[in-house]
Amino acid sequence: KKHASEIAIKAGSDMDMEGRAYEIALEELVKEGKVEEALIDDAVR
């Protein structure tokens, strides 16, 4: 799921419908430098 979250957010999937993937992975991926917080900001915006 963590790897899937990285792929999906980079591809442009903004909101996770009951996948329970983003909530467990995105924050950690940003802190590890694998996902830029700017991508998260774009989705949240």
PDB file of all heavy atoms in Angstrom:
ATOM      1  N   LYS A   1       0.810  -1.211   0.000  1.00  0.00           N
ATOM      2  CA  LYS A   1       0.000   0.000   0.000  1.00  0.00           C
ATOM      3  C   LYS A   1       0.849   1.270   0.000  1.00  0.00           C
ATOM      4  O   LYS A   1       0.469   2.278  -0.601  1.00  0.00           O
ATOM      5  CB  LYS A   1      -0.942   0.010   1.209  1.00  0.00           C
ATOM      6  CG  LYS A   1      -2.178  -0.862   1.056  1.00  0.00           C
ATOM      7  CD  LYS A   1      -3.147  -0.599   2.202  1.00  0.00           C
ATOM      8  CE  LYS A   1      -4.430  -1.398   2.033  1.00  0.00           C
ATOM      9  NZ  LYS A   1      -5.424  -1.095   3.083  1.00  0.00           N
ATOM     10  N   LYS A   2       1.958   1.216   0.678  1.00  0.00           N
ATOM     11  CA  LYS A   2       2.827   2.389   0.723  1.00  0.00           C
ATOM     12  C   LYS A   2       3.364   2.710  -0.666  1.00  0.00           C
ATOM     13  O   LYS A   2       3.329   3.870  -1.107  1.00  0.00           O
ATOM     14  CB  LYS A   2       3.973   2.151   1.698  1.00  0.00           C
ATOM     15  CG  LYS A   2       4.915   3.341   1.847  1.00  0.00           C
ATOM     16  CD  LYS A   2       5.999   3.054   2.881  1.00  0.00           C
ATOM     17  CE  LYS A   2       6.964   4.235   3.015  1.00  0.00           C
ATOM     18  NZ  LYS A   2       8.031   3.960   4.005  1.00  0.00           N
ATOM     19  N   HIS A   3       3.842   1.684  -1.337  1.00  0.00           N
ATOM     20  CA  HIS A   3       4.342   1.868  -2.698  1.00  0.00           C
ATOM     21  C   HIS A   3       3.208   2.319  -3.619  1.00  0.00           C
ATOM     22  O   HIS A   3       3.384   3.201  -4.471  1.00  0.00           O
ATOM     23  CB  HIS A   3       4.956   0.561  -3.192  1.00  0.00           C
ATOM     24  CG  HIS A   3       5.647   0.677  -4.513  1.00  0.00           C
ATOM     25  ND1 HIS A   3       5.813  -0.390  -5.363  1.00  0.00           N
ATOM     26  CD2 HIS A   3       6.216   1.745  -5.143  1.00  0.00           C
ATOM     27  CE1 HIS A   3       6.450  -0.002  -6.442  1.00  0.00           C
ATOM     28  NE2 HIS A   3       6.715   1.290  -6.332  1.00  0.00           N
ATOM     29  N   ALA A   4       2.019   1.752  -3.423  1.00  0.00           N
ATOM     30  CA  ALA A   4       0.858   2.126  -4.232  1.00  0.00           C
ATOM     31  C   ALA A   4       0.498   3.592  -4.010  1.00  0.00           C
ATOM     32  O   ALA A   4       0.151   4.315  -4.960  1.00  0.00           O
ATOM     33  CB  ALA A   4      -0.323   1.228  -3.892  1.00  0.00           C
ATOM     34  N   SER A   5       0.585   4.056  -2.779  1.00  0.00           N
ATOM     35  CA  SER A   5       0.277   5.453  -2.472  1.00  0.00           C
ATOM     36  C   SER A   5       1.250   6.393  -3.162  1.00  0.00           C
ATOM     37  O   SER A   5       0.863   7.452  -3.675  1.00  0.00           O
ATOM     38  CB  SER A   5       0.322   5.672  -0.960  1.00  0.00           C
ATOM     39  OG  SER A   5      -0.666   4.918  -0.311  1.00  0.00           O
ATOM     40  N   GLU A   6       2.500   6.021  -3.174  1.00  0.00           N
ATOM     41  CA  GLU A   6       3.513   6.837  -3.848  1.00  0.00           C
ATOM     42  C   GLU A   6       3.198   6.967  -5.332  1.00  0.00           C
ATOM     43  O   GLU A   6       3.248   8.061  -5.909  1.00  0.00           O
ATOM     44  CB  GLU A   6       4.899   6.210  -3.655  1.00  0.00           C
ATOM     45  CG  GLU A   6       6.008   6.970  -4.361  1.00  0.00           C
ATOM     46  CD  GLU A   6       7.364   6.286  -4.233  1.00  0.00           C
ATOM     47  OE1 GLU A   6       7.472   5.306  -3.451  1.00  0.00           O
ATOM     48  OE2 GLU A   6       8.312   6.716  -4.919  1.00  0.00           O
ATOM     49  N   ILE A   7       2.857   5.848  -5.958  1.00  0.00           N
ATOM     50  CA  ILE A   7       2.549   5.853  -7.387  1.00  0.00           C
ATOM     51  C   ILE A   7       1.308   6.695  -7.662  1.00  0.00           C
ATOM     52  O   ILE A   7       1.273   7.515  -8.591  1.00  0.00           O
ATOM     53  CB  ILE A   7       2.341   4.408  -7.884  1.00  0.00           C
ATOM     54  CG1 ILE A   7       3.656   3.620  -7.801  1.00  0.00           C
ATOM     55  CG2 ILE A   7       1.799   4.401  -9.310  1.00  0.00           C
ATOM     56  CD1 ILE A   7       3.488   2.131  -8.049  1.00  0.00           C
ATOM     57  N   ALA A   8       0.264   6.499  -6.849  1.00  0.00           N
ATOM     58  CA  ALA A   8      -1.019   7.148  -7.102  1.00  0.00           C
ATOM     59  C   ALA A   8      -0.953   8.656  -6.927  1.00  0.00           C
ATOM     60  O   ALA A   8      -1.493   9.408  -7.749  1.00  0.00           O
ATOM     61  CB  ALA A   8      -2.091   6.554  -6.186  1.00  0.00           C
ATOM     62  N   ILE A   9      -0.306   9.145  -5.866  1.00  0.00           N
ATOM     63  CA  ILE A   9      -0.260  10.592  -5.633  1.00  0.00           C
ATOM     64  C   ILE A   9       0.595  11.276  -6.695  1.00  0.00           C
ATOM     65  O   ILE A   9       0.270  12.383  -7.154  1.00  0.00           O
ATOM     66  CB  ILE A   9       0.248  10.920  -4.207  1.00  0.00           C
ATOM     67  CG1 ILE A   9      -0.047  12.388  -3.863  1.00  0.00           C
ATOM     68  CG2 ILE A   9       1.718  10.606  -4.051  1.00  0.00           C
ATOM     69  CD1 ILE A   9      -1.508  12.706  -3.705  1.00  0.00           C
ATOM     70  N   LYS A  10       1.648  10.626  -7.131  1.00  0.00           N
ATOM     71  CA  LYS A  10       2.473  11.199  -8.192  1.00  0.00           C
ATOM     72  C   LYS A  10       1.709  11.241  -9.519  1.00  0.00           C
ATOM     73  O   LYS A  10       1.911  12.145 -10.327  1.00  0.00           O
ATOM     74  CB  LYS A  10       3.766  10.394  -8.351  1.00  0.00           C
ATOM     75  CG  LYS A  10       4.759  10.594  -7.217  1.00  0.00           C
ATOM     76  CD  LYS A  10       6.022   9.764  -7.430  1.00  0.00           C
ATOM     77  CE  LYS A  10       7.055  10.038  -6.329  1.00  0.00           C
ATOM     78  NZ  LYS A  10       8.280   9.217  -6.497  1.00  0.00           N
ATOM     79  N   ALA A  11       0.819  10.261  -9.712  1.00  0.00           N
ATOM     80  CA  ALA A  11       0.049  10.197 -10.956  1.00  0.00           C
ATOM     81  C   ALA A  11      -1.082  11.212 -10.990  1.00  0.00           C
ATOM     82  O   ALA A  11      -1.574  11.551 -12.067  1.00  0.00           O
ATOM     83  CB  ALA A  11      -0.514   8.790 -11.140  1.00  0.00           C
ATOM     84  N   GLY A  12      -1.508  11.693  -9.805  1.00  0.00           N
ATOM     85  CA  GLY A  12      -2.574  12.689  -9.789  1.00  0.00           C
ATOM     86  C   GLY A  12      -3.869  12.242  -9.161  1.00  0.00           C
ATOM     87  O   GLY A  12      -4.883  12.945  -9.275  1.00  0.00           O
ATOM     88  N   SER A  13      -3.882  11.089  -8.487  1.00  0.00           N
ATOM     89  CA  SER A  13      -5.076  10.662  -7.744  1.00  0.00           C
ATOM     90  C   SER A  13      -5.120  11.442  -6.434  1.00  0.00           C
ATOM     91  O   SER A  13      -4.223  11.308  -5.606  1.00  0.00           O
ATOM     92  CB  SER A  13      -5.014   9.156  -7.470  1.00  0.00           C
ATOM     93  OG  SER A  13      -5.083   8.417  -8.670  1.00  0.00           O
ATOM     94  N   ASP A  14      -6.166  12.236  -6.242  1.00  0.00           N
ATOM     95  CA  ASP A  14      -6.195  13.171  -5.120  1.00  0.00           C
ATOM     96  C   ASP A  14      -6.787  12.591  -3.847  1.00  0.00           C
ATOM     97  O   ASP A  14      -6.239  12.792  -2.763  1.00  0.00           O
ATOM     98  CB  ASP A  14      -6.979  14.428  -5.511  1.00  0.00           C
ATOM     99  CG  ASP A  14      -6.339  15.178  -6.658  1.00  0.00           C
ATOM    100  OD1 ASP A  14      -5.103  15.329  -6.653  1.00  0.00           O
ATOM    101  OD2 ASP A  14      -7.068  15.592  -7.578  1.00  0.00           O
ATOM    102  N   MET A  15      -7.911  11.912  -3.943  1.00  0.00           N
ATOM    103  CA  MET A  15      -8.582  11.412  -2.742  1.00  0.00           C
ATOM    104  C   MET A  15      -8.750   9.898  -2.831  1.00  0.00           C
ATOM    105  O   MET A  15      -9.130   9.361  -3.871  1.00  0.00           O
ATOM    106  CB  MET A  15      -9.952  12.086  -2.557  1.00  0.00           C
ATOM    107  CG  MET A  15     -10.662  11.694  -1.261  1.00  0.00           C
ATOM    108  SD  MET A  15     -12.245  12.558  -1.014  1.00  0.00           S
ATOM    109  CE  MET A  15     -11.671  14.190  -0.510  1.00  0.00           C
ATOM    110  N   ASP A  16      -8.491   9.228  -1.730  1.00  0.00           N
ATOM    111  CA  ASP A  16      -8.492   7.766  -1.641  1.00  0.00           C
ATOM    112  C   ASP A  16      -9.833   7.288  -1.088  1.00  0.00           C
ATOM    113  O   ASP A  16     -10.135   7.477   0.088  1.00  0.00           O
ATOM    114  CB  ASP A  16      -7.346   7.333  -0.717  1.00  0.00           C
ATOM    115  CG  ASP A  16      -7.250   5.831  -0.533  1.00  0.00           C
ATOM    116  OD1 ASP A  16      -7.953   5.090  -1.236  1.00  0.00           O
ATOM    117  OD2 ASP A  16      -6.450   5.396   0.328  1.00  0.00           O
ATOM    118  N   MET A  17     -10.648   6.654  -1.941  1.00  0.00           N
ATOM    119  CA  MET A  17     -11.948   6.145  -1.514  1.00  0.00           C
ATOM    120  C   MET A  17     -11.792   4.804  -0.796  1.00  0.00           C
ATOM    121  O   MET A  17     -11.596   3.772  -1.435  1.00  0.00           O
ATOM    122  CB  MET A  17     -12.904   5.989  -2.713  1.00  0.00           C
ATOM    123  CG  MET A  17     -14.280   5.442  -2.322  1.00  0.00           C
ATOM    124  SD  MET A  17     -15.323   4.969  -3.712  1.00  0.00           S
ATOM    125  CE  MET A  17     -15.862   6.568  -4.300  1.00  0.00           C
ATOM    126  N   GLU A  18     -11.886   4.823   0.506  1.00  0.00           N
ATOM    127  CA  GLU A  18     -11.903   3.624   1.351  1.00  0.00           C
ATOM    128  C   GLU A  18     -10.758   2.655   1.028  1.00  0.00           C
ATOM    129  O   GLU A  18     -10.902   1.448   1.221  1.00  0.00           O
ATOM    130  CB  GLU A  18     -13.223   2.878   1.190  1.00  0.00           C
ATOM    131  CG  GLU A  18     -14.155   2.887   2.394  1.00  0.00           C
ATOM    132  CD  GLU A  18     -13.542   2.605   3.759  1.00  0.00           C
ATOM    133  OE1 GLU A  18     -12.604   1.805   3.864  1.00  0.00           O
ATOM    134  OE2 GLU A  18     -14.006   3.194   4.731  1.00  0.00           O
ATOM    135  N   GLY A  19      -9.651   3.181   0.537  1.00  0.00           N
ATOM    136  CA  GLY A  19      -8.517   2.308   0.248  1.00  0.00           C
ATOM    137  C   GLY A  19      -7.596   2.127   1.438  1.00  0.00           C
ATOM    138  O   GLY A  19      -6.750   1.232   1.452  1.00  0.00           O
ATOM    139  N   ARG A  20      -7.718   3.033   2.410  1.00  0.00           N
ATOM    140  CA  ARG A  20      -6.901   3.032   3.633  1.00  0.00           C
ATOM    141  C   ARG A  20      -5.411   2.989   3.282  1.00  0.00           C
ATOM    142  O   ARG A  20      -4.610   2.379   4.000  1.00  0.00           O
ATOM    143  CB  ARG A  20      -7.271   1.849   4.529  1.00  0.00           C
ATOM    144  CG  ARG A  20      -8.753   1.680   4.813  1.00  0.00           C
ATOM    145  CD  ARG A  20      -9.414   2.913   5.414  1.00  0.00           C
ATOM    146  NE  ARG A  20      -8.884   3.266   6.716  1.00  0.00           N
ATOM    147  CZ  ARG A  20      -9.331   2.760   7.871  1.00  0.00           C
ATOM    148  NH1 ARG A  20     -10.301   1.873   7.871  1.00  0.00           N
ATOM    149  NH2 ARG A  20      -8.809   3.166   9.022  1.00  0.00           N
ATOM    150  N   ALA A  21      -5.064   3.635   2.179  1.00  0.00           N
ATOM    151  CA  ALA A  21      -3.666   3.655   1.727  1.00  0.00           C
ATOM    152  C   ALA A  21      -3.001   4.985   2.056  1.00  0.00           C
ATOM    153  O   ALA A  21      -1.957   5.031   2.714  1.00  0.00           O
ATOM    154  CB  ALA A  21      -3.599   3.377   0.226  1.00  0.00           C
ATOM    155  N   TYR A  22      -3.600   6.097   1.599  1.00  0.00           N
ATOM    156  CA  TYR A  22      -2.997   7.401   1.828  1.00  0.00           C
ATOM    157  C   TYR A  22      -2.800   7.683   3.317  1.00  0.00           C
ATOM    158  O   TYR A  22      -1.778   8.243   3.732  1.00  0.00           O
ATOM    159  CB  TYR A  22      -3.873   8.500   1.221  1.00  0.00           C
ATOM    160  CG  TYR A  22      -3.673   8.726  -0.259  1.00  0.00           C
ATOM    161  CD1 TYR A  22      -4.414   9.686  -0.941  1.00  0.00           C
ATOM    162  CD2 TYR A  22      -2.735   7.994  -0.999  1.00  0.00           C
ATOM    163  CE1 TYR A  22      -4.251   9.916  -2.300  1.00  0.00           C
ATOM    164  CE2 TYR A  22      -2.564   8.207  -2.351  1.00  0.00           C
ATOM    165  CZ  TYR A  22      -3.319   9.164  -3.003  1.00  0.00           C
ATOM    166  OH  TYR A  22      -3.146   9.388  -4.341  1.00  0.00           O
ATOM    167  N   GLU A  23      -3.781   7.324   4.138  1.00  0.00           N
ATOM    168  CA  GLU A  23      -3.706   7.681   5.551  1.00  0.00           C
ATOM    169  C   GLU A  23      -2.559   6.981   6.278  1.00  0.00           C
ATOM    170  O   GLU A  23      -2.055   7.486   7.278  1.00  0.00           O
ATOM    171  CB  GLU A  23      -5.032   7.375   6.251  1.00  0.00           C
ATOM    172  CG  GLU A  23      -5.393   5.902   6.309  1.00  0.00           C
ATOM    173  CD  GLU A  23      -6.702   5.674   7.047  1.00  0.00           C
ATOM    174  OE1 GLU A  23      -6.940   6.354   8.058  1.00  0.00           O
ATOM    175  OE2 GLU A  23      -7.487   4.814   6.614  1.00  0.00           O
ATOM    176  N   ILE A  24      -2.133   5.824   5.770  1.00  0.00           N
ATOM    177  CA  ILE A  24      -1.048   5.115   6.443  1.00  0.00           C
ATOM    178  C   ILE A  24       0.312   5.370   5.810  1.00  0.00           C
ATOM    179  O   ILE A  24       1.341   5.007   6.396  1.00  0.00           O
ATOM    180  CB  ILE A  24      -1.309   3.590   6.458  1.00  0.00           C
ATOM    181  CG1 ILE A  24      -1.268   3.019   5.038  1.00  0.00           C
ATOM    182  CG2 ILE A  24      -2.616   3.248   7.141  1.00  0.00           C
ATOM    183  CD1 ILE A  24      -1.290   1.505   4.979  1.00  0.00           C
ATOM    184  N   ALA A  25       0.325   6.016   4.637  1.00  0.00           N
ATOM    185  CA  ALA A  25       1.585   6.055   3.894  1.00  0.00           C
ATOM    186  C   ALA A  25       2.075   7.441   3.492  1.00  0.00           C
ATOM    187  O   ALA A  25       3.285   7.680   3.441  1.00  0.00           O
ATOM    188  CB  ALA A  25       1.462   5.183   2.644  1.00  0.00           C
ATOM    189  N   LEU A  26       1.181   8.366   3.167  1.00  0.00           N
ATOM    190  CA  LEU A  26       1.619   9.619   2.544  1.00  0.00           C
ATOM    191  C   LEU A  26       2.535  10.449   3.437  1.00  0.00           C
ATOM    192  O   LEU A  26       3.548  10.992   2.975  1.00  0.00           O
ATOM    193  CB  LEU A  26       0.406  10.454   2.126  1.00  0.00           C
ATOM    194  CG  LEU A  26      -0.296  10.048   0.831  1.00  0.00           C
ATOM    195  CD1 LEU A  26      -1.360  11.072   0.462  1.00  0.00           C
ATOM    196  CD2 LEU A  26       0.684   9.877  -0.319  1.00  0.00           C
ATOM    197  N   GLU A  27       2.171  10.572   4.699  1.00  0.00           N
ATOM    198  CA  GLU A  27       2.985  11.388   5.593  1.00  0.00           C
ATOM    199  C   GLU A  27       4.403  10.835   5.682  1.00  0.00           C
ATOM    200  O   GLU A  27       5.396  11.586   5.603  1.00  0.00           O
ATOM    201  CB  GLU A  27       2.336  11.440   6.981  1.00  0.00           C
ATOM    202  CG  GLU A  27       2.964  12.470   7.908  1.00  0.00           C
ATOM    203  CD  GLU A  27       2.211  12.599   9.217  1.00  0.00           C
ATOM    204  OE1 GLU A  27       1.180  11.914   9.395  1.00  0.00           O
ATOM    205  OE2 GLU A  27       2.659  13.394  10.064  1.00  0.00           O
ATOM    206  N   GLU A  28       4.508   9.549   5.799  1.00  0.00           N
ATOM    207  CA  GLU A  28       5.822   8.913   5.887  1.00  0.00           C
ATOM    208  C   GLU A  28       6.593   9.068   4.586  1.00  0.00           C
ATOM    209  O   GLU A  28       7.814   9.313   4.588  1.00  0.00           O
ATOM    210  CB  GLU A  28       5.646   7.432   6.228  1.00  0.00           C
ATOM    211  CG  GLU A  28       6.958   6.702   6.508  1.00  0.00           C
ATOM    212  CD  GLU A  28       6.739   5.260   6.923  1.00  0.00           C
ATOM    213  OE1 GLU A  28       5.575   4.903   7.204  1.00  0.00           O
ATOM    214  OE2 GLU A  28       7.723   4.499   6.960  1.00  0.00           O
ATOM    215  N   LEU A  29       5.902   8.970   3.452  1.00  0.00           N
ATOM    216  CA  LEU A  29       6.558   9.111   2.151  1.00  0.00           C
ATOM    217  C   LEU A  29       7.141  10.511   1.977  1.00  0.00           C
ATOM    218  O   LEU A  29       8.220  10.681   1.403  1.00  0.00           O
ATOM    219  CB  LEU A  29       5.556   8.813   1.029  1.00  0.00           C
ATOM    220  CG  LEU A  29       5.194   7.343   0.825  1.00  0.00           C
ATOM    221  CD1 LEU A  29       3.967   7.212  -0.077  1.00  0.00           C
ATOM    222  CD2 LEU A  29       6.377   6.581   0.211  1.00  0.00           C
ATOM    223  N   VAL A  30       6.427  11.531   2.472  1.00  0.00           N
ATOM    224  CA  VAL A  30       6.938  12.900   2.401  1.00  0.00           C
ATOM    225  C   VAL A  30       8.171  13.054   3.287  1.00  0.00           C
ATOM    226  O   VAL A  30       9.190  13.628   2.882  1.00  0.00           O
ATOM    227  CB  VAL A  30       5.845  13.909   2.801  1.00  0.00           C
ATOM    228  CG1 VAL A  30       6.438  15.323   2.922  1.00  0.00           C
ATOM    229  CG2 VAL A  30       4.709  13.904   1.785  1.00  0.00           C
ATOM    230  N   LYS A  31       8.102  12.535   4.489  1.00  0.00           N
ATOM    231  CA  LYS A  31       9.225  12.657   5.425  1.00  0.00           C
ATOM    232  C   LYS A  31      10.460  11.916   4.924  1.00  0.00           C
ATOM    233  O   LYS A  31      11.594  12.318   5.219  1.00  0.00           O
ATOM    234  CB  LYS A  31       8.806  12.133   6.791  1.00  0.00           C
ATOM    235  CG  LYS A  31       7.782  13.027   7.491  1.00  0.00           C
ATOM    236  CD  LYS A  31       7.325  12.439   8.818  1.00  0.00           C
ATOM    237  CE  LYS A  31       6.328  13.369   9.504  1.00  0.00           C
ATOM    238  NZ  LYS A  31       5.819  12.801  10.775  1.00  0.00           N
ATOM    239  N   GLU A  32      10.246  10.849   4.166  1.00  0.00           N
ATOM    240  CA  GLU A  32      11.365  10.092   3.602  1.00  0.00           C
ATOM    241  C   GLU A  32      11.905  10.725   2.328  1.00  0.00           C
ATOM    242  O   GLU A  32      12.910  10.254   1.770  1.00  0.00           O
ATOM    243  CB  GLU A  32      10.924   8.661   3.305  1.00  0.00           C
ATOM    244  CG  GLU A  32      10.622   7.829   4.552  1.00  0.00           C
ATOM    245  CD  GLU A  32      10.071   6.456   4.205  1.00  0.00           C
ATOM    246  OE1 GLU A  32       9.782   6.220   3.009  1.00  0.00           O
ATOM    247  OE2 GLU A  32       9.912   5.627   5.118  1.00  0.00           O
ATOM    248  N   GLY A  33      11.249  11.754   1.832  1.00  0.00           N
ATOM    249  CA  GLY A  33      11.692  12.421   0.617  1.00  0.00           C
ATOM    250  C   GLY A  33      11.278  11.719  -0.662  1.00  0.00           C
ATOM    251  O   GLY A  33      11.722  12.096  -1.748  1.00  0.00           O
ATOM    252  N   LYS A  34      10.390  10.733  -0.563  1.00  0.00           N
ATOM    253  CA  LYS A  34       9.951  10.003  -1.756  1.00  0.00           C
ATOM    254  C   LYS A  34       8.805  10.708  -2.479  1.00  0.00           C
ATOM    255  O   LYS A  34       8.572  10.468  -3.663  1.00  0.00           O
ATOM    256  CB  LYS A  34       9.532   8.581  -1.369  1.00  0.00           C
ATOM    257  CG  LYS A  34      10.682   7.730  -0.870  1.00  0.00           C
ATOM    258  CD  LYS A  34      10.203   6.328  -0.490  1.00  0.00           C
ATOM    259  CE  LYS A  34      11.379   5.461  -0.018  1.00  0.00           C
ATOM    260  NZ  LYS A  34      10.933   4.092   0.387  1.00  0.00           N
ATOM    261  N   VAL A  35       8.078  11.543  -1.756  1.00  0.00           N
ATOM    262  CA  VAL A  35       6.983  12.327  -2.331  1.00  0.00           C
ATOM    263  C   VAL A  35       7.159  13.775  -1.905  1.00  0.00           C
ATOM    264  O   VAL A  35       7.336  14.059  -0.712  1.00  0.00           O
ATOM    265  CB  VAL A  35       5.606  11.796  -1.873  1.00  0.00           C
ATOM    266  CG1 VAL A  35       4.495  12.768  -2.272  1.00  0.00           C
ATOM    267  CG2 VAL A  35       5.334  10.416  -2.457  1.00  0.00           C
ATOM    268  N   GLU A  36       7.101  14.698  -2.851  1.00  0.00           N
ATOM    269  CA  GLU A  36       7.211  16.109  -2.530  1.00  0.00           C
ATOM    270  C   GLU A  36       5.916  16.596  -1.885  1.00  0.00           C
ATOM    271  O   GLU A  36       4.819  16.255  -2.333  1.00  0.00           O
ATOM    272  CB  GLU A  36       7.482  16.926  -3.796  1.00  0.00           C
ATOM    273  CG  GLU A  36       8.825  16.631  -4.442  1.00  0.00           C
ATOM    274  CD  GLU A  36       9.049  17.476  -5.679  1.00  0.00           C
ATOM    275  OE1 GLU A  36       8.195  18.355  -5.951  1.00  0.00           O
ATOM    276  OE2 GLU A  36      10.056  17.262  -6.369  1.00  0.00           O
ATOM    277  N   GLU A  37       6.063  17.407  -0.839  1.00  0.00           N
ATOM    278  CA  GLU A  37       4.878  17.917  -0.166  1.00  0.00           C
ATOM    279  C   GLU A  37       4.058  18.797  -1.106  1.00  0.00           C
ATOM    280  O   GLU A  37       2.834  18.932  -0.930  1.00  0.00           O
ATOM    281  CB  GLU A  37       5.253  18.700   1.095  1.00  0.00           C
ATOM    282  CG  GLU A  37       4.047  19.067   1.948  1.00  0.00           C
ATOM    283  CD  GLU A  37       4.407  19.556   3.339  1.00  0.00           C
ATOM    284  OE1 GLU A  37       5.614  19.519   3.698  1.00  0.00           O
ATOM    285  OE2 GLU A  37       3.489  19.969   4.075  1.00  0.00           O
ATOM    286  N   ALA A  38       4.693  19.350  -2.114  1.00  0.00           N
ATOM    287  CA  ALA A  38       3.960  20.166  -3.090  1.00  0.00           C
ATOM    288  C   ALA A  38       2.871  19.361  -3.792  1.00  0.00           C
ATOM    289  O   ALA A  38       1.817  19.905  -4.156  1.00  0.00           O
ATOM    290  CB  ALA A  38       4.931  20.741  -4.121  1.00  0.00           C
ATOM    291  N   LEU A  39       3.095  18.058  -3.992  1.00  0.00           N
ATOM    292  CA  LEU A  39       2.072  17.203  -4.597  1.00  0.00           C
ATOM    293  C   LEU A  39       0.882  17.052  -3.655  1.00  0.00           C
ATOM    294  O   LEU A  39      -0.273  17.043  -4.095  1.00  0.00           O
ATOM    295  CB  LEU A  39       2.645  15.834  -4.938  1.00  0.00           C
ATOM    296  CG  LEU A  39       3.637  15.748  -6.088  1.00  0.00           C
ATOM    297  CD1 LEU A  39       4.108  14.318  -6.285  1.00  0.00           C
ATOM    298  CD2 LEU A  39       3.009  16.269  -7.374  1.00  0.00           C
ATOM    299  N   ILE A  40       1.163  16.912  -2.368  1.00  0.00           N
ATOM    300  CA  ILE A  40       0.098  16.832  -1.375  1.00  0.00           C
ATOM    301  C   ILE A  40      -0.673  18.151  -1.363  1.00  0.00           C
ATOM    302  O   ILE A  40      -1.911  18.169  -1.334  1.00  0.00           O
ATOM    303  CB  ILE A  40       0.654  16.534   0.029  1.00  0.00           C
ATOM    304  CG1 ILE A  40       1.615  15.332   0.005  1.00  0.00           C
ATOM    305  CG2 ILE A  40      -0.478  16.329   1.018  1.00  0.00           C
ATOM    306  CD1 ILE A  40       0.980  14.040  -0.373  1.00  0.00           C
ATOM    307  N   ASP A  41       0.060  19.261  -1.388  1.00  0.00           N
ATOM    308  CA  ASP A  41      -0.572  20.576  -1.374  1.00  0.00           C
ATOM    309  C   ASP A  41      -1.509  20.761  -2.566  1.00  0.00           C
ATOM    310  O   ASP A  41      -2.613  21.309  -2.433  1.00  0.00           O
ATOM    311  CB  ASP A  41       0.484  21.680  -1.388  1.00  0.00           C
ATOM    312  CG  ASP A  41       1.235  21.792  -0.069  1.00  0.00           C
ATOM    313  OD1 ASP A  41       0.797  21.160   0.917  1.00  0.00           O
ATOM    314  OD2 ASP A  41       2.253  22.505  -0.028  1.00  0.00           O
ATOM    315  N   ASP A  42      -1.072  20.318  -3.732  1.00  0.00           N
ATOM    316  CA  ASP A  42      -1.908  20.456  -4.926  1.00  0.00           C
ATOM    317  C   ASP A  42      -3.213  19.684  -4.764  1.00  0.00           C
ATOM    318  O   ASP A  42      -4.292  20.189  -5.091  1.00  0.00           O
ATOM    319  CB  ASP A  42      -1.158  19.950  -6.163  1.00  0.00           C
ATOM    320  CG  ASP A  42      -2.027  19.976  -7.408  1.00  0.00           C
ATOM    321  OD1 ASP A  42      -2.379  21.081  -7.859  1.00  0.00           O
ATOM    322  OD2 ASP A  42      -2.378  18.893  -7.912  1.00  0.00           O
ATOM    323  N   ALA A  43      -3.125  18.471  -4.254  1.00  0.00           N
ATOM    324  CA  ALA A  43      -4.323  17.655  -4.064  1.00  0.00           C
ATOM    325  C   ALA A  43      -5.254  18.281  -3.030  1.00  0.00           C
ATOM    326  O   ALA A  43      -6.479  18.360  -3.233  1.00  0.00           O
ATOM    327  CB  ALA A  43      -3.931  16.238  -3.639  1.00  0.00           C
ATOM    328  N   VAL A  44      -4.695  18.730  -1.914  1.00  0.00           N
ATOM    329  CA  VAL A  44      -5.508  19.334  -0.856  1.00  0.00           C
ATOM    330  C   VAL A  44      -6.146  20.626  -1.350  1.00  0.00           C
ATOM    331  O   VAL A  44      -7.318  20.913  -1.069  1.00  0.00           O
ATOM    332  CB  VAL A  44      -4.655  19.598   0.402  1.00  0.00           C
ATOM    333  CG1 VAL A  44      -5.468  20.343   1.452  1.00  0.00           C
ATOM    334  CG2 VAL A  44      -4.134  18.284   0.964  1.00  0.00           C
ATOM    335  N   ARG A  45      -5.384  21.409  -2.088  1.00  0.00           N
ATOM    336  CA  ARG A  45      -5.913  22.662  -2.623  1.00  0.00           C
ATOM    337  C   ARG A  45      -7.155  22.399  -3.476  1.00  0.00           C
ATOM    338  O   ARG A  45      -8.143  23.146  -3.409  1.00  0.00           O
ATOM    339  CB  ARG A  45      -4.828  23.360  -3.444  1.00  0.00           C
ATOM    340  CG  ARG A  45      -5.261  24.721  -4.006  1.00  0.00           C
ATOM    341  CD  ARG A  45      -4.130  25.432  -4.707  1.00  0.00           C
ATOM    342  NE  ARG A  45      -3.201  26.039  -3.738  1.00  0.00           N
ATOM    343  CZ  ARG A  45      -1.981  25.604  -3.498  1.00  0.00           C
ATOM    344  NH1 ARG A  45      -1.527  24.524  -4.144  1.00  0.00           N
ATOM    345  NH2 ARG A  45      -1.210  26.203  -2.615  1.00  0.00           N
TER     346      ARG A  45
END
